[in-house]
Amino acid sequence: MRHGLSYRKLNKSTEHRKALFKNMLNSLIKYEQIITTLPKAKELKPQIDKVITIGKKNILSNKKKLFSKLQDKKSVTKVFGELSKRYVSRKGGYSRVLKAGFRTGDDAPMAVIELVDRNPEAKKIDKPKKTPAKDKTKEPQEPSKIASK
């Protein structure tokens, strides 16, 4: 029975899981939208909501708490500056998880997790555009002139 099990282990050790979510939190704060697998997105949603809730009360102890969790000064300043002002009237639900089909290769369910009311001018994550392959044929060089005697 699953009594008292409140989170997914995602087939990772504790240290790996903590590092994974720290990096994902920093990326979500930076870009305001990331693409990941559905189980990871579902586990990340309560964490980002807690981070923004902590950031809404601008006191030193909360800044230290967030820095110990995120370990990135830019992310902490963005949470306390931009995000806390954006969500001052909202009581919760700062992020949403949208299903995004299945990944080719291993058929893993993919999802987009984004901040609600996000800045449309924020850095967008786009799929890399396919560029045409370079021609491997070299241009013919002029034959060297041989001086005849």
Protein backbone atom coordinates (compact mmCIF):
# COMPACT_ATOMS: atom_id res chain seq x y z
CA MET A 1 0.00 0.00 0.00
CA ARG A 2 1.12 3.56 -0.72
CA HIS A 3 0.29 5.10 2.66
CA GLY A 4 2.39 8.12 3.54
CA LEU A 5 4.33 8.23 0.26
CA SER A 6 4.00 11.80 -0.88
CA TYR A 7 6.43 12.17 -3.79
CA ARG A 8 7.90 10.30 -6.73
CA LYS A 9 11.42 8.98 -6.52
CA LEU A 10 11.86 9.04 -10.31
CA ASN A 11 14.38 6.16 -10.20
CA LYS A 12 17.07 8.50 -8.85
CA SER A 13 19.09 8.69 -5.67
CA THR A 14 18.25 11.41 -3.15
CA GLU A 15 21.22 13.58 -4.06
CA HIS A 16 20.52 13.27 -7.78
CA ARG A 17 16.84 14.10 -7.29
CA LYS A 18 17.63 17.19 -5.18
CA ALA A 19 20.14 18.45 -7.74
CA LEU A 20 17.70 17.78 -10.58
CA PHE A 21 14.91 19.80 -8.97
CA LYS A 22 17.28 22.61 -7.97
CA ASN A 23 18.38 22.94 -11.60
CA MET A 24 14.81 22.72 -12.86
CA LEU A 25 13.66 25.40 -10.39
CA ASN A 26 16.43 27.73 -11.53
CA SER A 27 15.59 27.11 -15.19
CA LEU A 28 11.88 27.69 -14.59
CA ILE A 29 12.58 30.95 -12.78
CA LYS A 30 14.96 32.08 -15.50
CA TYR A 31 12.93 31.15 -18.61
CA GLU A 32 9.44 31.02 -17.01
CA GLN A 33 8.61 27.97 -19.16
CA ILE A 34 10.40 24.63 -19.52
CA ILE A 35 9.70 21.36 -21.30
CA THR A 36 10.24 18.16 -19.32
CA THR A 37 8.63 14.81 -18.68
CA LEU A 38 5.19 14.74 -17.10
CA PRO A 39 6.14 13.12 -13.75
CA LYS A 40 8.99 15.62 -13.24
CA ALA A 41 6.68 18.52 -14.04
CA LYS A 42 4.06 17.28 -11.59
CA GLU A 43 6.69 17.05 -8.85
CA LEU A 44 8.12 20.47 -9.68
CA LYS A 45 4.81 22.35 -9.50
CA PRO A 46 4.41 22.37 -5.68
CA GLN A 47 8.07 23.29 -5.27
CA ILE A 48 7.91 26.38 -7.52
CA ASP A 49 4.69 27.45 -5.84
CA LYS A 50 6.39 27.26 -2.43
CA VAL A 51 9.41 29.21 -3.71
CA ILE A 52 7.22 32.05 -4.99
CA THR A 53 5.17 32.09 -1.77
CA ILE A 54 8.38 32.44 0.25
CA GLY A 55 9.50 35.22 -2.09
CA LYS A 56 6.36 37.27 -1.54
CA LYS A 57 7.47 38.18 1.99
CA ASN A 58 10.64 40.22 1.49
CA ILE A 59 12.64 39.58 4.68
CA LEU A 60 16.23 38.52 5.14
CA SER A 61 15.46 35.07 6.55
CA ASN A 62 13.36 34.24 3.49
CA LYS A 63 16.17 35.37 1.18
CA LYS A 64 18.61 33.10 3.00
CA LYS A 65 16.14 30.21 2.88
CA LEU A 66 15.65 30.61 -0.87
CA PHE A 67 19.37 30.97 -1.54
CA SER A 68 20.06 27.74 0.36
CA LYS A 69 17.43 26.02 -1.80
CA LEU A 70 18.27 27.56 -5.22
CA GLN A 71 21.98 28.43 -4.81
CA ASP A 72 21.76 31.10 -7.51
CA LYS A 73 21.75 34.83 -6.76
CA LYS A 74 20.07 35.80 -10.05
CA SER A 75 17.15 33.45 -9.39
CA VAL A 76 16.70 34.72 -5.84
CA THR A 77 16.71 38.36 -6.95
CA LYS A 78 14.20 37.59 -9.71
CA VAL A 79 11.88 35.83 -7.26
CA PHE A 80 12.00 38.69 -4.76
CA GLY A 81 11.90 41.42 -7.39
CA GLU A 82 9.88 40.58 -10.47
CA LEU A 83 7.87 37.48 -9.53
CA SER A 84 6.76 38.64 -6.08
CA LYS A 85 5.38 41.87 -7.60
CA ARG A 86 3.63 39.97 -10.37
CA TYR A 87 1.81 37.62 -7.97
CA VAL A 88 1.12 40.02 -5.09
CA SER A 89 -2.67 39.68 -5.45
CA ARG A 90 -2.66 35.93 -6.24
CA LYS A 91 -2.98 33.52 -3.30
CA GLY A 92 -1.58 30.43 -4.99
CA GLY A 93 -1.40 28.48 -8.20
CA TYR A 94 1.53 30.33 -9.72
CA SER A 95 2.34 27.60 -12.26
CA ARG A 96 0.56 25.25 -14.62
CA VAL A 97 1.41 21.92 -16.21
CA LEU A 98 0.30 21.34 -19.79
CA LYS A 99 0.62 17.96 -21.48
CA ALA A 100 2.71 18.08 -24.64
CA GLY A 101 2.43 14.69 -26.29
CA PHE A 102 5.05 11.98 -26.26
CA ARG A 103 8.79 12.13 -26.88
CA THR A 104 10.07 10.36 -29.94
CA GLY A 105 12.59 7.69 -29.12
CA ASP A 106 11.33 6.38 -25.79
CA ASP A 107 7.67 7.53 -25.98
CA ALA A 108 7.88 9.30 -22.60
CA PRO A 109 4.94 11.60 -21.79
CA MET A 110 6.14 15.19 -22.11
CA ALA A 111 4.79 18.33 -20.45
CA VAL A 112 5.30 22.07 -20.45
CA ILE A 113 5.45 23.70 -17.04
CA GLU A 114 5.11 27.47 -17.06
CA LEU A 115 4.43 30.35 -14.74
CA VAL A 116 0.92 31.77 -14.93
CA ASP A 117 0.67 35.34 -16.30
CA ARG A 118 4.23 35.07 -17.49
CA ASN A 119 6.02 37.84 -19.26
CA PRO A 120 5.57 37.39 -23.01
CA GLU A 121 8.93 39.11 -23.58
CA ALA A 122 10.72 36.50 -21.46
CA LYS A 123 13.26 34.28 -23.12
CA LYS A 124 11.39 31.63 -25.05
CA ILE A 125 12.50 28.05 -25.44
CA ASP A 126 12.15 27.06 -29.06
CA LYS A 127 13.06 23.82 -30.67
CA PRO A 128 16.27 24.15 -32.63
CA LYS A 129 15.62 24.91 -36.26
CA LYS A 130 16.94 22.45 -38.79
CA THR A 131 19.56 24.03 -40.94
CA PRO A 132 20.35 22.64 -44.35
CA ALA A 133 23.40 20.42 -44.37
CA LYS A 134 26.53 22.02 -45.68
CA ASP A 135 27.79 20.80 -49.01
CA LYS A 136 30.78 18.59 -48.49
CA THR A 137 31.96 19.14 -52.00
CA LYS A 138 34.72 21.68 -52.18
CA GLU A 139 34.80 24.27 -54.88
CA PRO A 140 37.32 23.33 -57.55
CA GLN A 141 40.49 25.29 -57.09
CA GLU A 142 42.33 26.70 -60.04
CA PRO A 143 45.07 24.38 -61.18
CA SER A 144 48.45 25.79 -60.44
CA LYS A 145 50.18 27.19 -63.43
CA ILE A 146 53.26 25.27 -64.28
CA ALA A 147 55.96 27.29 -65.87
CA SER A 148 57.06 25.58 -69.03
CA LYS A 149 60.66 25.69 -70.08
